[in-house]
């Protein structure tokens, strides 16, 4: 236990003659600067919150606008892609249809050519002559046929030569293959064209020649 001699201490104080220490209570106005500082700090915090909230609202508004713009551009791009796809589909259908049309026209042309050639050959074919086979290949015609006399075969060759759709024929062989009745076989080939050749005028002073029509009398040898 600690014991303190208060009497001695009191005497010592009185003997020294020092002025007694008096505790001074703080004044009421001393708290004013602290309160002002607190108000300033609170005001700054409020301003910071307001500024932060305003910036957040502005940033969110800008982000929303940009997102809306991106969505709008995306929708426009999707619409354009759909239109481009429709155009490509239309172009493919158009190309396919054009190919079919070209094929049909080509088939018609191919059909028309042989028909015209056969029609021309039949026009040049005289009486007493008939064909056993006709082959069309590479712009040339190969014929095999028979006739009852050489004159009729010669007339057929001349008609082919004078035809504006045919070139001069190359005659192969003309031979008798039967005696009762008398029948001759022949073969020849010649080039053809779908466009008629221009008629060439006869030389000056040359007698005019006429092409024998089918069925005409055979020329005398």
Protein backbone atom coordinates (compact mmCIF):
# COMPACT_ATOMS: atom_id res chain seq x y z
CA UNK A 1 0.00 0.00 0.00
CA UNK A 2 1.29 3.49 -0.90
CA UNK A 3 0.94 6.21 1.76
CA UNK A 4 1.08 9.90 0.86
CA UNK A 5 1.75 12.57 3.50
CA UNK A 6 -0.65 15.27 2.48
CA UNK A 7 0.20 17.49 5.42
CA UNK A 8 3.83 17.84 4.44
CA UNK A 9 2.99 18.52 0.90
CA UNK A 10 0.53 21.21 1.94
CA UNK A 11 3.11 22.85 4.12
CA UNK A 12 5.67 22.80 1.43
CA UNK A 13 3.34 24.62 -0.82
CA UNK A 14 2.60 27.30 1.69
CA UNK A 15 6.26 27.78 2.59
CA UNK A 16 7.37 28.32 -1.01
CA UNK A 17 4.98 31.21 -1.50
CA UNK A 18 4.22 30.22 -5.09
CA UNK A 19 0.93 31.25 -6.51
CA UNK A 20 -1.62 28.56 -6.48
CA UNK A 21 -2.38 26.93 -9.81
CA UNK A 22 -5.86 27.74 -10.97
CA UNK A 23 -7.48 25.54 -13.67
CA UNK A 24 -9.03 27.61 -16.37
CA UNK A 25 -12.13 26.18 -18.04
CA UNK A 26 -12.15 26.35 -21.83
CA UNK A 27 -14.19 29.10 -23.44
CA UNK A 28 -17.38 28.27 -25.30
CA UNK A 29 -16.19 29.93 -28.56
CA UNK A 30 -13.18 27.64 -28.92
CA UNK A 31 -15.24 24.96 -30.75
CA UNK A 32 -16.20 27.29 -33.62
CA UNK A 33 -13.20 26.54 -35.92
CA UNK A 34 -13.70 22.80 -35.51
CA UNK A 35 -17.35 23.07 -36.46
CA UNK A 36 -16.49 25.14 -39.55
CA UNK A 37 -13.94 22.56 -40.61
CA UNK A 38 -16.48 19.80 -40.17
CA UNK A 39 -19.03 21.74 -42.23
CA UNK A 40 -16.47 22.28 -45.00
CA UNK A 41 -15.54 18.60 -45.03
CA UNK A 42 -19.20 17.57 -45.15
CA UNK A 43 -19.89 20.10 -47.92
CA UNK A 44 -16.96 18.80 -49.93
CA UNK A 45 -18.17 15.24 -49.45
CA UNK A 46 -21.66 16.22 -50.62
CA UNK A 47 -20.24 18.05 -53.65
CA UNK A 48 -18.07 15.04 -54.45
CA UNK A 49 -21.06 12.74 -54.20
CA UNK A 50 -23.11 15.07 -56.41
CA UNK A 51 -20.28 15.33 -58.95
CA UNK A 52 -19.73 11.58 -58.89
CA UNK A 53 -23.44 10.91 -59.26
CA UNK A 54 -23.68 13.40 -62.13
CA UNK A 55 -20.69 11.88 -63.90
CA UNK A 56 -22.10 8.38 -63.39
CA UNK A 57 -25.46 9.47 -64.78
CA UNK A 58 -23.79 11.19 -67.76
CA UNK A 59 -21.55 8.18 -68.44
CA UNK A 60 -24.49 5.82 -68.17
CA UNK A 61 -26.50 8.04 -70.54
CA UNK A 62 -23.63 8.09 -73.07
CA UNK A 63 -23.21 4.33 -72.77
CA UNK A 64 -26.95 3.83 -73.32
CA UNK A 65 -26.89 6.07 -76.40
CA UNK A 66 -23.89 4.23 -77.83
CA UNK A 67 -25.51 0.88 -77.15
CA UNK A 68 -28.69 2.05 -78.89
CA UNK A 69 -26.58 3.26 -81.84
CA UNK A 70 -24.79 -0.08 -82.00
CA UNK A 71 -28.14 -1.93 -81.90
CA UNK A 72 -29.49 0.32 -84.66
CA UNK A 73 -26.43 -0.23 -86.85
CA UNK A 74 -26.62 -3.96 -86.18
CA UNK A 75 -30.27 -4.07 -87.28
CA UNK A 76 -29.43 -2.07 -90.41
CA UNK A 77 -26.54 -4.43 -91.18
CA UNK A 78 -28.84 -7.43 -90.76
CA UNK A 79 -31.39 -5.85 -93.11
CA UNK A 80 -28.66 -5.13 -95.65
CA UNK A 81 -27.37 -8.70 -95.37
CA UNK A 82 -30.89 -10.00 -96.01
CA UNK A 83 -31.22 -7.71 -99.06
CA UNK A 84 -27.79 -8.76 -100.36
CA UNK A 85 -28.74 -12.41 -99.93
CA UNK A 86 -31.99 -11.85 -101.84
CA UNK A 87 -30.07 -10.11 -104.63
CA UNK A 88 -27.55 -12.97 -104.79
CA UNK A 89 -30.37 -15.53 -104.88
CA UNK A 90 -32.08 -13.56 -107.64
CA UNK A 91 -28.83 -13.38 -109.61
CA UNK A 92 -28.30 -17.13 -109.24
CA UNK A 93 -31.86 -17.83 -110.41
CA UNK A 94 -31.38 -15.43 -113.30
CA UNK A 95 -28.10 -17.08 -114.33
CA UNK A 96 -29.68 -20.54 -114.08
CA UNK A 97 -32.66 -19.42 -116.14
CA UNK A 98 -30.39 -17.82 -118.74
CA UNK A 99 -28.39 -21.03 -119.01
CA UNK A 100 -31.59 -22.99 -119.58
CA UNK A 101 -32.72 -20.51 -122.23
CA UNK A 102 -29.34 -20.69 -123.97
CA UNK A 103 -29.46 -24.49 -123.87
CA UNK A 104 -32.98 -24.54 -125.32
CA UNK A 105 -31.97 -22.11 -128.08
CA UNK A 106 -28.91 -24.21 -128.83
CA UNK A 107 -31.00 -27.37 -129.03
CA UNK A 108 -33.45 -25.62 -131.33
CA UNK A 109 -30.59 -24.43 -133.51
CA UNK A 110 -29.09 -27.91 -133.58
CA UNK A 111 -32.45 -29.36 -134.54
CA UNK A 112 -33.05 -26.70 -137.15
CA UNK A 113 -29.70 -27.28 -138.85
CA UNK A 114 -30.07 -30.99 -139.69
CA UNK A 115 -33.70 -30.45 -140.68
CA UNK A 116 -32.69 -27.69 -143.10
CA UNK A 117 -29.85 -29.80 -144.48
CA UNK A 118 -32.11 -32.80 -145.00
CA UNK A 119 -34.67 -30.56 -146.66
CA UNK A 120 -32.03 -29.17 -149.03
CA UNK A 121 -30.71 -32.63 -149.85
CA UNK A 122 -34.23 -33.88 -150.54
CA UNK A 123 -34.80 -30.91 -152.88
CA UNK A 124 -31.63 -31.75 -154.79
CA UNK A 125 -32.47 -35.45 -155.00
CA UNK A 126 -33.78 -36.28 -158.49
CA UNK A 127 -36.00 -39.15 -159.54
CA UNK A 128 -34.48 -42.63 -159.86
CA UNK A 129 -32.04 -41.87 -157.02
CA UNK A 130 -32.47 -42.61 -153.35
CA UNK A 131 -30.27 -42.47 -150.24
CA UNK A 132 -29.33 -45.37 -148.00
CA UNK A 133 -27.54 -43.31 -145.30
CA UNK A 134 -26.54 -39.75 -144.51
CA UNK A 135 -24.08 -38.73 -141.80
CA UNK A 136 -23.56 -35.14 -140.61
CA UNK A 137 -20.35 -34.53 -138.66
CA UNK A 138 -17.88 -31.68 -138.33
CA UNK A 139 -19.57 -29.48 -140.89
CA UNK A 140 -19.55 -32.17 -143.58
CA UNK A 141 -22.15 -34.54 -144.97
CA UNK A 142 -21.41 -38.09 -146.07
CA UNK A 143 -23.94 -39.79 -148.35
CA UNK A 144 -24.42 -43.35 -149.54
CA UNK A 145 -27.13 -44.08 -152.04
CA UNK A 146 -28.26 -45.90 -155.13
CA UNK A 147 -29.63 -44.99 -158.54
CA UNK A 148 -31.16 -46.74 -161.52
CA UNK A 149 -28.75 -45.19 -164.01
CA UNK A 150 -25.51 -43.16 -163.94
CA UNK A 151 -27.21 -40.11 -165.49
CA UNK A 152 -29.55 -39.73 -162.52
CA UNK A 153 -26.62 -39.99 -160.12
CA UNK A 154 -24.67 -37.39 -162.15
CA UNK A 155 -27.70 -35.04 -162.00
CA UNK A 156 -27.84 -35.41 -158.22
CA UNK A 157 -24.12 -34.57 -157.96
CA UNK A 158 -24.62 -31.49 -160.13
CA UNK A 159 -27.58 -30.32 -158.04
CA UNK A 160 -25.47 -30.60 -154.89
CA UNK A 161 -22.70 -28.64 -156.58
CA UNK A 162 -25.08 -25.82 -157.56
CA UNK A 163 -26.85 -25.66 -154.19
CA UNK A 164 -25.89 -22.42 -152.33
CA UNK A 165 -25.86 -24.29 -148.99
CA UNK A 166 -23.35 -26.94 -150.12
CA UNK A 167 -19.75 -26.95 -151.28
CA UNK A 168 -18.53 -28.89 -154.29
CA UNK A 169 -18.93 -32.60 -153.48
CA UNK A 170 -16.14 -35.14 -153.48
CA UNK A 171 -17.47 -38.24 -155.24
CA UNK A 172 -16.15 -41.63 -154.20
CA UNK A 173 -17.16 -44.59 -156.33
CA UNK A 174 -20.07 -45.21 -158.67
CA UNK A 175 -20.46 -48.93 -159.35
CA UNK A 176 -23.12 -51.27 -160.65
CA UNK A 177 -24.30 -53.59 -157.92
CA UNK A 178 -27.21 -55.29 -159.67
CA UNK A 179 -28.08 -56.24 -163.24
CA UNK A 180 -31.79 -57.16 -162.86
CA UNK A 181 -32.85 -54.50 -162.36
CA UNK A 182 -29.81 -52.40 -163.10
CA UNK A 183 -28.81 -50.54 -159.91
CA UNK A 184 -25.76 -48.41 -159.26
CA UNK A 185 -24.36 -47.45 -155.86
CA UNK A 186 -22.49 -44.26 -155.08
CA UNK A 187 -20.97 -42.35 -152.16
CA UNK A 188 -19.81 -38.77 -151.75
CA UNK A 189 -19.17 -36.14 -149.12
CA UNK A 190 -19.27 -32.35 -149.06
CA UNK A 191 -19.23 -29.40 -146.66
CA UNK A 192 -22.33 -27.39 -145.83
CA UNK A 193 -23.23 -24.00 -144.41
CA UNK A 194 -26.36 -22.65 -142.72
CA UNK A 195 -26.06 -19.34 -144.57
CA UNK A 196 -26.48 -19.53 -148.36
CA UNK A 197 -23.50 -18.56 -150.47
CA UNK A 198 -23.71 -15.47 -152.64
CA UNK A 199 -24.37 -16.34 -156.25
CA UNK A 200 -21.35 -15.74 -158.46
CA UNK A 201 -22.09 -14.24 -161.88
CA UNK A 202 -21.02 -16.34 -164.90
CA UNK A 203 -17.91 -15.22 -166.81
CA UNK A 204 -18.40 -12.73 -169.64
CA UNK A 205 -19.37 -14.45 -172.88
CA UNK A 206 -20.09 -17.76 -171.17
CA UNK A 207 -23.46 -19.32 -171.98
CA UNK A 208 -26.00 -19.23 -169.20
CA UNK A 209 -26.48 -22.54 -167.43
CA UNK A 210 -29.54 -23.70 -165.59
CA UNK A 211 -29.67 -26.10 -162.69
CA UNK A 212 -31.77 -29.10 -163.35
CA UNK A 213 -34.69 -29.38 -161.03
CA UNK A 214 -35.47 -32.62 -159.22
CA UNK A 215 -37.33 -34.94 -161.45
CA UNK A 216 -36.01 -33.41 -164.65
CA UNK A 217 -34.91 -35.60 -167.53
CA UNK A 218 -31.39 -36.98 -167.13
CA UNK A 219 -28.68 -35.22 -169.10
CA UNK A 220 -27.38 -37.03 -172.16
CA UNK A 221 -23.90 -38.47 -171.99
